[in-house]
Amino acid sequence: MKITYYGHSCFTAEVMGKHLLFDPFISGNPLASGVDVMKIQADYILLSHGHNDHVADAEAIARRTGATIVASFEVAMWFKKKGVENYHPMNIGGHRLFDFGKVKCVAAVHSSTLPDGSSGGNPMGFLIESSDINFYYAGDTALTYDMKLIGDYKNIALAFLPIGNNFTMGIDNAVIAADFIRCDRVIGMHYDTEDFIKIDHKEAKQKFSHAGKELILMKIGETINLN
């Protein structure tokens, strides 16, 4: 699977020939000033919740590419009202088969308000299962005991976990989360974008290493291949 990082919690994952874009917040992120939003490819845009730092560029990219927005009912309907043509509403506990594989929505403990102040429903994470790879995109969340269910019933090869603390779980809890889901390879997200969530990269990697796990901290604009 080819993964490209665009800063904060925004990634593109190429799965079964499709481009899955997660939580696009680029134009408002000063750290991502070198990223050209107009060049980002997307077949699907998966939104974990309604906060601006996760949906800011979703409308523009969806209109340009024709990508389908996959989100909670409230978030999907908000984009529908804005004139986005392709959308698929979901909710926690449900799954759907798409042409790249299966998406299951799982619980996240956070909040969700859309940029205009309306409710974004419940925040959530995504389990993606395909013949390429199975992975977990946690979205913004605290550590929850529900994560153990993922490890008990799914084989997860890779996890995207928030590590910035303050608004989400931090490094120590992310290590526990990786234990819960039984995944030893983690890509960190939701860190360094502002002072509240800046981390010590060396310390973060050491804590994961001491737990027998790998923490990958990608550079903005970087693309890596993982199997």
C-alpha atoms as a PDB file:
ATOM      1  CA  MET A   1       0.000   0.000   0.000  1.00  0.00           C
ATOM      2  CA  LYS A   2       1.291   3.441  -0.941  1.00  0.00           C
ATOM      3  CA  ILE A   3       0.744   6.135   1.712  1.00  0.00           C
ATOM      4  CA  THR A   4       1.252   9.876   1.284  1.00  0.00           C
ATOM      5  CA  TYR A   5       1.188  12.283   4.237  1.00  0.00           C
ATOM      6  CA  TYR A   6      -0.201  15.817   3.877  1.00  0.00           C
ATOM      7  CA  GLY A   7       0.167  16.944   7.486  1.00  0.00           C
ATOM      8  CA  HIS A   8      -1.861  16.790  10.712  1.00  0.00           C
ATOM      9  CA  SER A   9      -4.157  13.750  10.247  1.00  0.00           C
ATOM     10  CA  CYS A  10      -4.391  13.820   6.468  1.00  0.00           C
ATOM     11  CA  PHE A  11      -3.173  10.865   4.425  1.00  0.00           C
ATOM     12  CA  THR A  12      -3.862   9.268   1.091  1.00  0.00           C
ATOM     13  CA  ALA A  13      -3.784   5.469   1.091  1.00  0.00           C
ATOM     14  CA  GLU A  14      -3.824   3.725  -2.274  1.00  0.00           C
ATOM     15  CA  VAL A  15      -5.871   0.551  -1.796  1.00  0.00           C
ATOM     16  CA  MET A  16      -6.779  -1.790  -4.643  1.00  0.00           C
ATOM     17  CA  GLY A  17      -6.052   0.950  -7.166  1.00  0.00           C
ATOM     18  CA  LYS A  18      -8.251   3.515  -5.375  1.00  0.00           C
ATOM     19  CA  HIS A  19      -7.123   6.669  -3.573  1.00  0.00           C
ATOM     20  CA  LEU A  20      -8.566   6.931  -0.059  1.00  0.00           C
ATOM     21  CA  LEU A  21      -8.062  10.421   1.380  1.00  0.00           C
ATOM     22  CA  PHE A  22      -8.469  10.810   5.134  1.00  0.00           C
ATOM     23  CA  ASP A  23      -9.393  14.043   6.954  1.00  0.00           C
ATOM     24  CA  PRO A  24      -8.091  16.675   4.514  1.00  0.00           C
ATOM     25  CA  PHE A  25      -6.793  19.729   6.372  1.00  0.00           C
ATOM     26  CA  ILE A  26      -4.112  21.245   4.164  1.00  0.00           C
ATOM     27  CA  SER A  27      -4.854  24.801   3.062  1.00  0.00           C
ATOM     28  CA  GLY A  28      -5.252  25.958   6.679  1.00  0.00           C
ATOM     29  CA  ASN A  29      -2.142  24.169   7.933  1.00  0.00           C
ATOM     30  CA  PRO A  30       0.983  26.367   7.738  1.00  0.00           C
ATOM     31  CA  LEU A  31       3.185  23.270   7.989  1.00  0.00           C
ATOM     32  CA  ALA A  32       1.644  21.981   4.737  1.00  0.00           C
ATOM     33  CA  SER A  33       2.212  25.165   2.721  1.00  0.00           C
ATOM     34  CA  GLY A  34       4.269  23.193   0.206  1.00  0.00           C
ATOM     35  CA  VAL A  35       1.379  20.869  -0.654  1.00  0.00           C
ATOM     36  CA  ASP A  36      -0.710  21.708  -3.722  1.00  0.00           C
ATOM     37  CA  VAL A  37      -4.287  20.782  -2.829  1.00  0.00           C
ATOM     38  CA  MET A  38      -5.245  20.889  -6.505  1.00  0.00           C
ATOM     39  CA  LYS A  39      -2.951  17.957  -7.278  1.00  0.00           C
ATOM     40  CA  ILE A  40      -4.254  15.582  -4.617  1.00  0.00           C
ATOM     41  CA  GLN A  41      -6.031  12.549  -6.046  1.00  0.00           C
ATOM     42  CA  ALA A  42      -9.060  11.052  -4.336  1.00  0.00           C
ATOM     43  CA  ASP A  43     -11.674   8.451  -5.155  1.00  0.00           C
ATOM     44  CA  TYR A  44     -13.030   8.462  -1.590  1.00  0.00           C
ATOM     45  CA  ILE A  45     -12.722  11.038   1.182  1.00  0.00           C
ATOM     46  CA  LEU A  46     -13.158   9.519   4.638  1.00  0.00           C
ATOM     47  CA  LEU A  47     -13.958  12.018   7.393  1.00  0.00           C
ATOM     48  CA  SER A  48     -13.656  10.907  10.998  1.00  0.00           C
ATOM     49  CA  HIS A  49     -15.562  13.904  12.402  1.00  0.00           C
ATOM     50  CA  GLY A  50     -16.637  17.448  11.643  1.00  0.00           C
ATOM     51  CA  HIS A  51     -13.887  19.660  13.064  1.00  0.00           C
ATOM     52  CA  ASN A  52     -12.360  22.101  10.615  1.00  0.00           C
ATOM     53  CA  ASP A  53      -8.896  20.593  11.022  1.00  0.00           C
ATOM     54  CA  HIS A  54     -10.287  17.414   9.469  1.00  0.00           C
ATOM     55  CA  VAL A  55     -12.755  18.616   6.832  1.00  0.00           C
ATOM     56  CA  ALA A  56     -11.381  21.965   5.641  1.00  0.00           C
ATOM     57  CA  ASP A  57     -10.443  20.880   2.101  1.00  0.00           C
ATOM     58  CA  ALA A  58     -12.979  18.088   1.668  1.00  0.00           C
ATOM     59  CA  GLU A  59     -15.522  20.076  -0.334  1.00  0.00           C
ATOM     60  CA  ALA A  60     -13.005  21.511  -2.794  1.00  0.00           C
ATOM     61  CA  ILE A  61     -11.336  18.154  -3.395  1.00  0.00           C
ATOM     62  CA  ALA A  62     -14.670  16.326  -3.710  1.00  0.00           C
ATOM     63  CA  ARG A  63     -15.930  18.822  -6.292  1.00  0.00           C
ATOM     64  CA  ARG A  64     -12.731  18.655  -8.332  1.00  0.00           C
ATOM     65  CA  THR A  65     -12.260  14.882  -8.271  1.00  0.00           C
ATOM     66  CA  GLY A  66     -15.826  13.601  -7.938  1.00  0.00           C
ATOM     67  CA  ALA A  67     -14.704  11.600  -4.896  1.00  0.00           C
ATOM     68  CA  THR A  68     -17.312  10.072  -2.608  1.00  0.00           C
ATOM     69  CA  ILE A  69     -17.348  11.491   0.917  1.00  0.00           C
ATOM     70  CA  VAL A  70     -17.719   8.735   3.524  1.00  0.00           C
ATOM     71  CA  ALA A  71     -18.648  10.100   6.937  1.00  0.00           C
ATOM     72  CA  SER A  72     -21.194  10.053   9.730  1.00  0.00           C
ATOM     73  CA  PHE A  73     -24.776  10.778   8.700  1.00  0.00           C
ATOM     74  CA  GLU A  74     -24.619  14.337  10.010  1.00  0.00           C
ATOM     75  CA  VAL A  75     -21.331  15.174   8.298  1.00  0.00           C
ATOM     76  CA  ALA A  76     -22.356  13.547   5.017  1.00  0.00           C
ATOM     77  CA  MET A  77     -25.678  15.423   4.964  1.00  0.00           C
ATOM     78  CA  TRP A  78     -23.869  18.693   5.703  1.00  0.00           C
ATOM     79  CA  PHE A  79     -21.783  18.229   2.579  1.00  0.00           C
ATOM     80  CA  LYS A  80     -24.880  17.214   0.613  1.00  0.00           C
ATOM     81  CA  LYS A  81     -26.492  20.541   1.527  1.00  0.00           C
ATOM     82  CA  LYS A  82     -23.366  22.272   0.260  1.00  0.00           C
ATOM     83  CA  GLY A  83     -23.910  20.653  -3.125  1.00  0.00           C
ATOM     84  CA  VAL A  84     -21.452  17.763  -2.981  1.00  0.00           C
ATOM     85  CA  GLU A  85     -22.917  15.127  -5.275  1.00  0.00           C
ATOM     86  CA  ASN A  86     -21.205  11.934  -4.128  1.00  0.00           C
ATOM     87  CA  TYR A  87     -21.517  10.962  -0.482  1.00  0.00           C
ATOM     88  CA  HIS A  88     -22.163   7.887   1.624  1.00  0.00           C
ATOM     89  CA  PRO A  89     -23.440   8.322   5.206  1.00  0.00           C
ATOM     90  CA  MET A  90     -22.459   5.776   7.842  1.00  0.00           C
ATOM     91  CA  ASN A  91     -22.510   5.355  11.592  1.00  0.00           C
ATOM     92  CA  ILE A  92     -20.658   3.510  14.323  1.00  0.00           C
ATOM     93  CA  GLY A  93     -21.028  -0.263  14.198  1.00  0.00           C
ATOM     94  CA  GLY A  94     -21.980  -0.362  10.544  1.00  0.00           C
ATOM     95  CA  HIS A  95     -19.897  -1.560   7.625  1.00  0.00           C
ATOM     96  CA  ARG A  96     -20.106  -1.191   3.882  1.00  0.00           C
ATOM     97  CA  LEU A  97     -18.458  -2.961   0.958  1.00  0.00           C
ATOM     98  CA  PHE A  98     -16.915  -0.600  -1.568  1.00  0.00           C
ATOM     99  CA  ASP A  99     -14.993  -1.394  -4.738  1.00  0.00           C
ATOM    100  CA  PHE A 100     -11.664  -1.307  -2.833  1.00  0.00           C
ATOM    101  CA  GLY A 101     -12.785  -3.347   0.175  1.00  0.00           C
ATOM    102  CA  LYS A 102     -14.738  -3.072   3.418  1.00  0.00           C
ATOM    103  CA  VAL A 103     -15.138  -0.029   5.648  1.00  0.00           C
ATOM    104  CA  LYS A 104     -16.340  -0.507   9.211  1.00  0.00           C
ATOM    105  CA  CYS A 105     -17.012   2.462  11.475  1.00  0.00           C
ATOM    106  CA  VAL A 106     -15.796   2.124  15.062  1.00  0.00           C
ATOM    107  CA  ALA A 107     -16.106   4.255  18.167  1.00  0.00           C
ATOM    108  CA  ALA A 108     -13.913   7.265  18.860  1.00  0.00           C
ATOM    109  CA  VAL A 109     -14.122   9.342  22.030  1.00  0.00           C
ATOM    110  CA  HIS A 110     -13.872  12.995  21.045  1.00  0.00           C
ATOM    111  CA  SER A 111     -16.278  15.750  19.949  1.00  0.00           C
ATOM    112  CA  SER A 112     -17.605  16.728  16.530  1.00  0.00           C
ATOM    113  CA  THR A 113     -18.831  20.156  15.496  1.00  0.00           C
ATOM    114  CA  LEU A 114     -18.881  21.317  11.885  1.00  0.00           C
ATOM    115  CA  PRO A 115     -17.264  24.609  10.830  1.00  0.00           C
ATOM    116  CA  ASP A 116     -20.590  26.485  10.927  1.00  0.00           C
ATOM    117  CA  GLY A 117     -21.280  25.290  14.477  1.00  0.00           C
ATOM    118  CA  SER A 118     -23.809  22.584  13.588  1.00  0.00           C
ATOM    119  CA  SER A 119     -23.564  19.106  15.025  1.00  0.00           C
ATOM    120  CA  GLY A 120     -21.252  16.624  13.370  1.00  0.00           C
ATOM    121  CA  GLY A 121     -22.833  13.663  15.128  1.00  0.00           C
ATOM    122  CA  ASN A 122     -20.528  11.143  16.744  1.00  0.00           C
ATOM    123  CA  PRO A 123     -16.815  11.028  15.886  1.00  0.00           C
ATOM    124  CA  MET A 124     -15.541   7.687  14.667  1.00  0.00           C
ATOM    125  CA  GLY A 125     -12.611   5.711  13.363  1.00  0.00           C
ATOM    126  CA  PHE A 126     -12.403   3.436  10.337  1.00  0.00           C
ATOM    127  CA  LEU A 127     -11.340  -0.169   9.882  1.00  0.00           C
ATOM    128  CA  ILE A 128     -10.333  -0.799   6.284  1.00  0.00           C
ATOM    129  CA  GLU A 129     -10.179  -4.414   5.110  1.00  0.00           C
ATOM    130  CA  SER A 130      -8.984  -5.313   1.634  1.00  0.00           C
ATOM    131  CA  SER A 131      -6.979  -7.949  -0.168  1.00  0.00           C
ATOM    132  CA  ASP A 132      -4.076  -5.464  -0.118  1.00  0.00           C
ATOM    133  CA  ILE A 133      -3.917  -4.767   3.635  1.00  0.00           C
ATOM    134  CA  ASN A 134      -6.067  -4.336   6.744  1.00  0.00           C
ATOM    135  CA  PHE A 135      -5.559  -1.108   8.676  1.00  0.00           C
ATOM    136  CA  TYR A 136      -7.124   1.057  11.365  1.00  0.00           C
ATOM    137  CA  TYR A 137      -7.508   4.812  11.084  1.00  0.00           C
ATOM    138  CA  ALA A 138      -8.434   5.936  14.594  1.00  0.00           C
ATOM    139  CA  GLY A 139      -9.379   9.558  13.919  1.00  0.00           C
ATOM    140  CA  ASP A 140      -9.259  11.847  16.945  1.00  0.00           C
ATOM    141  CA  THR A 141      -9.815   9.765  20.041  1.00  0.00           C
ATOM    142  CA  ALA A 142      -8.885   9.015  23.602  1.00  0.00           C
ATOM    143  CA  LEU A 143      -7.683   5.564  24.552  1.00  0.00           C
ATOM    144  CA  THR A 144     -10.746   3.342  24.897  1.00  0.00           C
ATOM    145  CA  TYR A 145     -11.229  -0.213  26.060  1.00  0.00           C
ATOM    146  CA  ASP A 146     -13.343  -0.779  22.939  1.00  0.00           C
ATOM    147  CA  MET A 147     -10.077  -0.920  21.006  1.00  0.00           C
ATOM    148  CA  LYS A 148      -9.485  -4.368  22.469  1.00  0.00           C
ATOM    149  CA  LEU A 149     -12.414  -5.629  20.394  1.00  0.00           C
ATOM    150  CA  ILE A 150     -10.520  -4.661  17.253  1.00  0.00           C
ATOM    151  CA  GLY A 151      -7.529  -6.712  18.342  1.00  0.00           C
ATOM    152  CA  ASP A 152      -9.723  -9.636  19.359  1.00  0.00           C
ATOM    153  CA  TYR A 153     -11.563  -9.927  16.046  1.00  0.00           C
ATOM    154  CA  LYS A 154      -9.411  -8.308  13.346  1.00  0.00           C
ATOM    155  CA  ASN A 155      -5.899  -8.792  12.015  1.00  0.00           C
ATOM    156  CA  ILE A 156      -4.540  -5.264  11.717  1.00  0.00           C
ATOM    157  CA  ALA A 157      -1.255  -4.757   9.875  1.00  0.00           C
ATOM    158  CA  LEU A 158      -1.036  -0.997  10.351  1.00  0.00           C
ATOM    159  CA  ALA A 159      -2.650   1.640  12.547  1.00  0.00           C
ATOM    160  CA  PHE A 160      -2.901   5.421  12.209  1.00  0.00           C
ATOM    161  CA  LEU A 161      -3.074   6.734  15.771  1.00  0.00           C
ATOM    162  CA  PRO A 162      -3.192  10.277  17.196  1.00  0.00           C
ATOM    163  CA  ILE A 163      -0.201  10.972  19.437  1.00  0.00           C
ATOM    164  CA  GLY A 164      -0.245  14.722  20.112  1.00  0.00           C
ATOM    165  CA  ASN A 165      -1.964  14.657  23.514  1.00  0.00           C
ATOM    166  CA  ASN A 166      -4.077  17.576  24.816  1.00  0.00           C
ATOM    167  CA  PHE A 167      -6.977  17.038  22.354  1.00  0.00           C
ATOM    168  CA  THR A 168      -6.453  13.287  21.851  1.00  0.00           C
ATOM    169  CA  MET A 169      -4.480  10.511  23.451  1.00  0.00           C
ATOM    170  CA  GLY A 170      -0.741  11.058  23.705  1.00  0.00           C
ATOM    171  CA  ILE A 171       2.255   8.793  23.217  1.00  0.00           C
ATOM    172  CA  ASP A 172       1.835   6.662  26.343  1.00  0.00           C
ATOM    173  CA  ASN A 173      -1.812   5.919  25.643  1.00  0.00           C
ATOM    174  CA  ALA A 174      -1.094   5.318  21.954  1.00  0.00           C
ATOM    175  CA  VAL A 175       1.359   2.581  22.946  1.00  0.00           C
ATOM    176  CA  ILE A 176      -1.416   0.966  25.003  1.00  0.00           C
ATOM    177  CA  ALA A 177      -3.831   1.381  22.088  1.00  0.00           C
ATOM    178  CA  ALA A 178      -1.376  -0.447  19.829  1.00  0.00           C
ATOM    179  CA  ASP A 179      -1.319  -3.265  22.386  1.00  0.00           C
ATOM    180  CA  PHE A 180      -5.110  -3.367  22.497  1.00  0.00           C
ATOM    181  CA  ILE A 181      -5.431  -3.700  18.714  1.00  0.00           C
ATOM    182  CA  ARG A 182      -2.426  -6.061  18.567  1.00  0.00           C
ATOM    183  CA  CYS A 183      -0.624  -3.979  15.985  1.00  0.00           C
ATOM    184  CA  ASP A 184       3.127  -3.375  16.118  1.00  0.00           C
ATOM    185  CA  ARG A 185       3.393  -0.833  13.287  1.00  0.00           C
ATOM    186  CA  VAL A 186       1.916   2.613  13.871  1.00  0.00           C
ATOM    187  CA  ILE A 187       1.870   5.815  11.851  1.00  0.00           C
ATOM    188  CA  GLY A 188       1.544   8.816  14.140  1.00  0.00           C
ATOM    189  CA  MET A 189      -0.844  11.674  13.410  1.00  0.00           C
ATOM    190  CA  HIS A 190      -2.408  14.772  14.983  1.00  0.00           C
ATOM    191  CA  TYR A 191       0.845  16.191  16.335  1.00  0.00           C
ATOM    192  CA  ASP A 192       3.110  19.262  15.878  1.00  0.00           C
ATOM    193  CA  THR A 193       0.512  21.336  13.986  1.00  0.00           C
ATOM    194  CA  GLU A 194       0.258  23.808  16.872  1.00  0.00           C
ATOM    195  CA  ASP A 195       1.966  24.364  20.217  1.00  0.00           C
ATOM    196  CA  PHE A 196      -0.707  22.429  22.142  1.00  0.00           C
ATOM    197  CA  ILE A 197       0.233  19.180  20.380  1.00  0.00           C
ATOM    198  CA  LYS A 198       3.968  19.403  19.772  1.00  0.00           C
ATOM    199  CA  ILE A 199       5.878  16.254  20.679  1.00  0.00           C
ATOM    200  CA  ASP A 200       9.437  15.079  21.207  1.00  0.00           C
ATOM    201  CA  HIS A 201       9.986  12.826  18.174  1.00  0.00           C
ATOM    202  CA  LYS A 202      12.947  10.957  19.629  1.00  0.00           C
ATOM    203  CA  GLU A 203      11.187  10.228  22.911  1.00  0.00           C
ATOM    204  CA  ALA A 204       8.027   9.127  21.106  1.00  0.00           C
ATOM    205  CA  LYS A 205       9.894   6.649  18.925  1.00  0.00           C
ATOM    206  CA  GLN A 206      11.842   5.322  21.918  1.00  0.00           C
ATOM    207  CA  LYS A 207       8.663   4.640  23.885  1.00  0.00           C
ATOM    208  CA  PHE A 208       7.220   2.635  21.024  1.00  0.00           C
ATOM    209  CA  SER A 209      10.521   0.834  20.496  1.00  0.00           C
ATOM    210  CA  HIS A 210      10.740  -0.108  24.182  1.00  0.00           C
ATOM    211  CA  ALA A 211       7.279  -1.660  23.810  1.00  0.00           C
ATOM    212  CA  GLY A 212       8.474  -3.702  20.824  1.00  0.00           C
ATOM    213  CA  LYS A 213       6.656  -1.546  18.303  1.00  0.00           C
ATOM    214  CA  GLU A 214       7.537   0.758  15.432  1.00  0.00           C
ATOM    215  CA  LEU A 215       6.345   4.371  15.320  1.00  0.00           C
ATOM    216  CA  ILE A 216       6.545   5.948  11.870  1.00  0.00           C
ATOM    217  CA  LEU A 217       6.582   9.756  11.791  1.00  0.00           C
ATOM    218  CA  MET A 218       6.237  10.779   8.169  1.00  0.00           C
ATOM    219  CA  LYS A 219       7.398  14.060   6.686  1.00  0.00           C
ATOM    220  CA  ILE A 220       4.746  16.223   5.054  1.00  0.00           C
ATOM    221  CA  GLY A 221       4.656  15.380   1.362  1.00  0.00           C
ATOM    222  CA  GLU A 222       6.435  12.066   1.894  1.00  0.00           C
ATOM    223  CA  THR A 223       5.212   8.868   0.243  1.00  0.00           C
ATOM    224  CA  ILE A 224       6.062   5.403   1.565  1.00  0.00           C
ATOM    225  CA  ASN A 225       5.175   1.861   0.525  1.00  0.00           C
ATOM    226  CA  LEU A 226       4.008  -0.592   3.179  1.00  0.00           C
ATOM    227  CA  ASN A 227       2.728  -4.159   2.894  1.00  0.00           C
END
